[in-house]
Amino acid sequence: MNRFARRARIGLTLGTAAALALGLTSSAEAATGRIRYFSSAGQEFRIDNPPDNVCINLQARARTLVNETNKTVSYFFGANCTNFTGNLAPGRAVAYQNPLSVRVIG
């Protein structure tokens, strides 16, 4: 019984160490693809492989916003992800919402 308990304890210790190591390694996640947007003057801008859960201020207010990533994008009327406007699923576009910032959410 003592030998069994010792092996169980070693297994539990190794399993806990592995779980902690995997849980604590945080590589920055990023969406695959790009967010494209167009200003009211028709100028095109791109954000390639945007990081998850990071607010990105756009270079110009977007008349058209296109989500060409594999994740949902939240868009906001104000800078610094203020005044939530809506969510844009992968492969979708929205026009005339005039966002000034975006965030990849999932």
N, C-alpha and C. Protein backbone atom coordinates (compact mmCIF):
# COMPACT_ATOMS: atom_id res chain seq x y z
N MET A 1 0.82 -1.18 0.00
CA MET A 1 0.00 0.00 0.00
C MET A 1 0.87 1.26 0.00
N ASN A 2 1.97 1.21 0.74
CA ASN A 2 2.87 2.34 0.83
C ASN A 2 3.49 2.64 -0.55
N ARG A 3 3.86 1.59 -1.27
CA ARG A 3 4.46 1.75 -2.59
C ARG A 3 3.43 2.37 -3.55
N PHE A 4 2.19 1.91 -3.48
CA PHE A 4 1.12 2.44 -4.33
C PHE A 4 0.88 3.92 -4.03
N ALA A 5 0.85 4.27 -2.75
CA ALA A 5 0.62 5.66 -2.36
C ALA A 5 1.75 6.56 -2.85
N ARG A 6 2.97 6.07 -2.80
CA ARG A 6 4.11 6.86 -3.26
C ARG A 6 4.03 7.10 -4.76
N ARG A 7 3.68 6.08 -5.53
CA ARG A 7 3.55 6.22 -6.99
C ARG A 7 2.40 7.17 -7.34
N ALA A 8 1.33 7.06 -6.61
CA ALA A 8 0.19 7.95 -6.85
C ALA A 8 0.58 9.40 -6.59
N ARG A 9 1.34 9.61 -5.50
CA ARG A 9 1.79 10.96 -5.16
C ARG A 9 2.73 11.51 -6.24
N ILE A 10 3.63 10.68 -6.74
CA ILE A 10 4.56 11.12 -7.80
C ILE A 10 3.77 11.45 -9.06
N GLY A 11 2.82 10.58 -9.40
CA GLY A 11 1.99 10.85 -10.58
C GLY A 11 1.20 12.14 -10.46
N LEU A 12 0.63 12.36 -9.28
CA LEU A 12 -0.13 13.58 -9.04
C LEU A 12 0.77 14.81 -9.13
N THR A 13 1.96 14.70 -8.59
CA THR A 13 2.92 15.81 -8.63
C THR A 13 3.31 16.13 -10.07
N LEU A 14 3.63 15.09 -10.84
CA LEU A 14 4.01 15.31 -12.24
C LEU A 14 2.84 15.88 -13.05
N GLY A 15 1.66 15.36 -12.81
CA GLY A 15 0.48 15.86 -13.52
C GLY A 15 0.20 17.32 -13.18
N THR A 16 0.33 17.67 -11.92
CA THR A 16 0.11 19.06 -11.50
C THR A 16 1.16 19.98 -12.11
N ALA A 17 2.42 19.52 -12.12
CA ALA A 17 3.49 20.33 -12.71
C ALA A 17 3.23 20.56 -14.20
N ALA A 18 2.81 19.51 -14.90
CA ALA A 18 2.52 19.65 -16.33
C ALA A 18 1.36 20.61 -16.57
N ALA A 19 0.31 20.49 -15.77
CA ALA A 19 -0.84 21.37 -15.92
C ALA A 19 -0.46 22.82 -15.65
N LEU A 20 0.34 23.05 -14.63
CA LEU A 20 0.78 24.41 -14.34
C LEU A 20 1.66 24.96 -15.45
N ALA A 21 2.55 24.14 -15.97
CA ALA A 21 3.44 24.60 -17.03
C ALA A 21 2.64 24.96 -18.27
N LEU A 22 1.67 24.14 -18.61
CA LEU A 22 0.86 24.44 -19.79
C LEU A 22 -0.05 25.62 -19.54
N GLY A 23 -0.57 25.75 -18.36
CA GLY A 23 -1.48 26.84 -18.04
C GLY A 23 -0.79 28.18 -17.93
N LEU A 24 0.45 28.20 -17.53
CA LEU A 24 1.16 29.45 -17.33
C LEU A 24 1.88 29.94 -18.57
N THR A 25 2.06 29.07 -19.55
CA THR A 25 2.68 29.54 -20.78
C THR A 25 1.61 30.26 -21.57
N SER A 26 1.78 31.54 -21.70
CA SER A 26 0.76 32.33 -22.39
C SER A 26 1.38 32.97 -23.62
N SER A 27 1.19 32.30 -24.72
CA SER A 27 1.61 32.92 -25.96
C SER A 27 0.46 33.78 -26.43
N ALA A 28 0.77 34.94 -26.96
CA ALA A 28 -0.27 35.85 -27.40
C ALA A 28 -1.04 35.21 -28.54
N GLU A 29 -2.33 35.10 -28.34
CA GLU A 29 -3.20 34.55 -29.37
C GLU A 29 -3.45 35.65 -30.40
N ALA A 30 -3.68 35.23 -31.61
CA ALA A 30 -3.99 36.19 -32.66
C ALA A 30 -4.95 35.55 -33.64
N ALA A 31 -5.79 36.36 -34.20
CA ALA A 31 -6.68 35.89 -35.26
C ALA A 31 -5.84 35.65 -36.51
N THR A 32 -6.27 34.71 -37.29
CA THR A 32 -5.62 34.46 -38.58
C THR A 32 -6.42 35.19 -39.65
N GLY A 33 -5.74 35.97 -40.43
CA GLY A 33 -6.40 36.73 -41.49
C GLY A 33 -6.21 38.22 -41.27
N ARG A 34 -7.16 38.99 -41.75
CA ARG A 34 -7.01 40.44 -41.62
C ARG A 34 -8.36 41.12 -41.48
N ILE A 35 -8.29 42.29 -40.92
CA ILE A 35 -9.44 43.19 -40.86
C ILE A 35 -9.15 44.27 -41.89
N ARG A 36 -10.09 44.47 -42.80
CA ARG A 36 -9.94 45.54 -43.78
C ARG A 36 -11.01 46.59 -43.50
N TYR A 37 -10.65 47.85 -43.70
CA TYR A 37 -11.63 48.90 -43.55
C TYR A 37 -11.33 50.02 -44.52
N PHE A 38 -12.40 50.74 -44.84
CA PHE A 38 -12.31 51.80 -45.84
C PHE A 38 -12.84 53.09 -45.23
N SER A 39 -12.10 54.17 -45.45
CA SER A 39 -12.54 55.48 -44.96
C SER A 39 -13.64 56.01 -45.87
N SER A 40 -14.26 57.11 -45.46
CA SER A 40 -15.30 57.72 -46.29
C SER A 40 -14.73 58.24 -47.61
N ALA A 41 -13.41 58.48 -47.66
CA ALA A 41 -12.76 58.90 -48.90
C ALA A 41 -12.39 57.71 -49.78
N GLY A 42 -12.66 56.47 -49.29
CA GLY A 42 -12.37 55.28 -50.07
C GLY A 42 -10.99 54.70 -49.86
N GLN A 43 -10.21 55.26 -48.94
CA GLN A 43 -8.87 54.74 -48.68
C GLN A 43 -8.97 53.43 -47.91
N GLU A 44 -8.21 52.42 -48.34
CA GLU A 44 -8.23 51.11 -47.71
C GLU A 44 -7.12 50.98 -46.67
N PHE A 45 -7.46 50.37 -45.53
CA PHE A 45 -6.50 50.08 -44.47
C PHE A 45 -6.62 48.60 -44.12
N ARG A 46 -5.54 48.00 -43.61
CA ARG A 46 -5.54 46.58 -43.24
C ARG A 46 -4.85 46.38 -41.90
N ILE A 47 -5.38 45.43 -41.15
CA ILE A 47 -4.75 44.98 -39.91
C ILE A 47 -4.57 43.48 -40.07
N ASP A 48 -3.33 43.03 -40.25
CA ASP A 48 -3.04 41.61 -40.47
C ASP A 48 -2.85 40.89 -39.15
N ASN A 49 -3.48 39.71 -39.04
CA ASN A 49 -3.37 38.83 -37.87
C ASN A 49 -3.48 39.62 -36.55
N PRO A 50 -4.61 40.30 -36.34
CA PRO A 50 -4.75 41.11 -35.13
C PRO A 50 -4.77 40.25 -33.86
N PRO A 51 -4.15 40.74 -32.79
CA PRO A 51 -4.11 39.98 -31.53
C PRO A 51 -5.49 39.92 -30.87
N ASP A 52 -5.73 38.87 -30.11
CA ASP A 52 -6.98 38.72 -29.37
C ASP A 52 -7.03 39.68 -28.18
N ASN A 53 -8.22 40.17 -27.90
CA ASN A 53 -8.50 40.97 -26.70
C ASN A 53 -7.61 42.19 -26.54
N VAL A 54 -7.23 42.79 -27.66
CA VAL A 54 -6.45 44.02 -27.63
C VAL A 54 -7.22 45.08 -28.42
N CYS A 55 -7.45 46.21 -27.82
CA CYS A 55 -8.16 47.28 -28.51
C CYS A 55 -7.22 47.91 -29.54
N ILE A 56 -7.73 48.05 -30.75
CA ILE A 56 -6.95 48.65 -31.84
C ILE A 56 -7.70 49.87 -32.33
N ASN A 57 -7.07 51.03 -32.23
CA ASN A 57 -7.65 52.26 -32.78
C ASN A 57 -7.37 52.30 -34.27
N LEU A 58 -8.42 52.57 -35.03
CA LEU A 58 -8.28 52.63 -36.48
C LEU A 58 -7.64 53.95 -36.89
N GLN A 59 -7.01 53.95 -38.06
CA GLN A 59 -6.33 55.15 -38.54
C GLN A 59 -7.32 56.20 -39.05
N ALA A 60 -8.51 55.75 -39.39
CA ALA A 60 -9.57 56.65 -39.85
C ALA A 60 -10.90 56.01 -39.48
N ARG A 61 -11.93 56.81 -39.36
CA ARG A 61 -13.26 56.26 -39.09
C ARG A 61 -13.65 55.40 -40.29
N ALA A 62 -14.10 54.20 -40.02
CA ALA A 62 -14.37 53.23 -41.10
C ALA A 62 -15.80 53.34 -41.60
N ARG A 63 -15.95 53.64 -42.88
CA ARG A 63 -17.29 53.61 -43.46
C ARG A 63 -17.70 52.16 -43.71
N THR A 64 -16.73 51.33 -44.13
CA THR A 64 -16.97 49.91 -44.34
C THR A 64 -15.91 49.14 -43.56
N LEU A 65 -16.34 48.12 -42.82
CA LEU A 65 -15.46 47.28 -42.02
C LEU A 65 -15.67 45.83 -42.45
N VAL A 66 -14.58 45.13 -42.79
CA VAL A 66 -14.67 43.76 -43.29
C VAL A 66 -13.83 42.85 -42.40
N ASN A 67 -14.45 41.80 -41.86
CA ASN A 67 -13.74 40.84 -41.01
C ASN A 67 -13.33 39.64 -41.85
N GLU A 68 -12.08 39.59 -42.24
CA GLU A 68 -11.54 38.47 -43.00
C GLU A 68 -10.68 37.58 -42.12
N THR A 69 -10.98 37.55 -40.81
CA THR A 69 -10.25 36.71 -39.87
C THR A 69 -11.09 35.47 -39.55
N ASN A 70 -10.53 34.62 -38.72
CA ASN A 70 -11.23 33.41 -38.28
C ASN A 70 -11.94 33.60 -36.94
N LYS A 71 -12.02 34.84 -36.46
CA LYS A 71 -12.62 35.12 -35.15
C LYS A 71 -13.58 36.30 -35.24
N THR A 72 -14.44 36.42 -34.24
CA THR A 72 -15.39 37.53 -34.18
C THR A 72 -14.66 38.81 -33.78
N VAL A 73 -15.08 39.91 -34.37
CA VAL A 73 -14.50 41.22 -34.09
C VAL A 73 -15.60 42.13 -33.53
N SER A 74 -15.32 42.75 -32.38
CA SER A 74 -16.22 43.78 -31.85
C SER A 74 -15.77 45.12 -32.41
N TYR A 75 -16.74 45.97 -32.72
CA TYR A 75 -16.37 47.30 -33.21
C TYR A 75 -17.08 48.36 -32.38
N PHE A 76 -16.39 49.49 -32.25
CA PHE A 76 -16.79 50.54 -31.32
C PHE A 76 -16.82 51.89 -32.04
N PHE A 77 -17.80 52.71 -31.71
CA PHE A 77 -17.91 54.03 -32.32
C PHE A 77 -16.79 54.95 -31.86
N GLY A 78 -16.37 54.81 -30.60
CA GLY A 78 -15.34 55.68 -30.05
C GLY A 78 -13.96 55.05 -30.09
N ALA A 79 -12.95 55.88 -29.87
CA ALA A 79 -11.57 55.39 -29.76
C ALA A 79 -11.42 54.61 -28.46
N ASN A 80 -10.38 53.81 -28.37
CA ASN A 80 -10.05 53.03 -27.16
C ASN A 80 -11.18 52.09 -26.75
N CYS A 81 -11.88 51.57 -27.75
CA CYS A 81 -12.97 50.59 -27.55
C CYS A 81 -14.05 51.10 -26.61
N THR A 82 -14.46 52.33 -26.84
CA THR A 82 -15.59 52.89 -26.09
C THR A 82 -16.80 52.98 -27.01
N ASN A 83 -17.97 52.94 -26.43
CA ASN A 83 -19.24 53.02 -27.13
C ASN A 83 -19.41 51.83 -28.09
N PHE A 84 -19.56 50.64 -27.49
CA PHE A 84 -19.75 49.40 -28.24
C PHE A 84 -20.87 49.57 -29.26
N THR A 85 -20.59 49.12 -30.49
CA THR A 85 -21.57 49.23 -31.56
C THR A 85 -22.10 47.87 -31.97
N GLY A 86 -21.20 46.88 -32.14
CA GLY A 86 -21.67 45.56 -32.55
C GLY A 86 -20.54 44.56 -32.69
N ASN A 87 -20.92 43.32 -33.03
CA ASN A 87 -19.96 42.25 -33.30
C ASN A 87 -20.06 41.86 -34.76
N LEU A 88 -18.92 41.49 -35.31
CA LEU A 88 -18.85 41.12 -36.72
C LEU A 88 -18.26 39.72 -36.81
N ALA A 89 -19.06 38.77 -37.25
CA ALA A 89 -18.62 37.38 -37.37
C ALA A 89 -17.59 37.24 -38.48
N PRO A 90 -16.80 36.17 -38.44
CA PRO A 90 -15.82 35.94 -39.52
C PRO A 90 -16.50 35.91 -40.89
N GLY A 91 -15.86 36.56 -41.85
CA GLY A 91 -16.37 36.58 -43.21
C GLY A 91 -17.49 37.57 -43.46
N ARG A 92 -17.79 38.40 -42.49
CA ARG A 92 -18.89 39.37 -42.63
C ARG A 92 -18.34 40.79 -42.75
N ALA A 93 -19.20 41.69 -43.21
CA ALA A 93 -18.84 43.09 -43.36
C ALA A 93 -20.00 43.94 -42.86
N VAL A 94 -19.69 45.18 -42.52
CA VAL A 94 -20.71 46.13 -42.09
C VAL A 94 -20.35 47.49 -42.68
N ALA A 95 -21.38 48.26 -43.01
CA ALA A 95 -21.16 49.59 -43.59
C ALA A 95 -21.96 50.62 -42.82
N TYR A 96 -21.47 51.83 -42.83
CA TYR A 96 -22.13 53.00 -42.26
C TYR A 96 -22.37 52.92 -40.75
N GLN A 97 -21.55 52.16 -40.05
CA GLN A 97 -21.58 52.16 -38.58
C GLN A 97 -20.50 53.09 -38.03
N ASN A 98 -19.53 53.43 -38.87
CA ASN A 98 -18.47 54.41 -38.57
C ASN A 98 -17.64 54.11 -37.33
N PRO A 99 -17.16 52.87 -37.17
CA PRO A 99 -16.34 52.58 -35.98
C PRO A 99 -14.99 53.28 -36.05
N LEU A 100 -14.43 53.49 -34.86
CA LEU A 100 -13.11 54.09 -34.73
C LEU A 100 -12.12 53.17 -34.01
N SER A 101 -12.63 52.03 -33.48
CA SER A 101 -11.75 51.06 -32.84
C SER A 101 -12.38 49.67 -32.92
N VAL A 102 -11.52 48.65 -32.82
CA VAL A 102 -11.98 47.26 -32.93
C VAL A 102 -11.23 46.41 -31.92
N ARG A 103 -11.80 45.22 -31.65
CA ARG A 103 -11.16 44.25 -30.76
C ARG A 103 -11.58 42.85 -31.20
N VAL A 104 -10.59 41.95 -31.37
CA VAL A 104 -10.88 40.55 -31.68
C VAL A 104 -11.31 39.88 -30.39
N ILE A 105 -12.47 39.22 -30.40
CA ILE A 105 -12.98 38.65 -29.15
C ILE A 105 -13.08 37.12 -29.15
N GLY A 106 -12.93 36.48 -30.25
CA GLY A 106 -13.07 35.04 -30.15
C GLY A 106 -13.17 34.30 -31.38
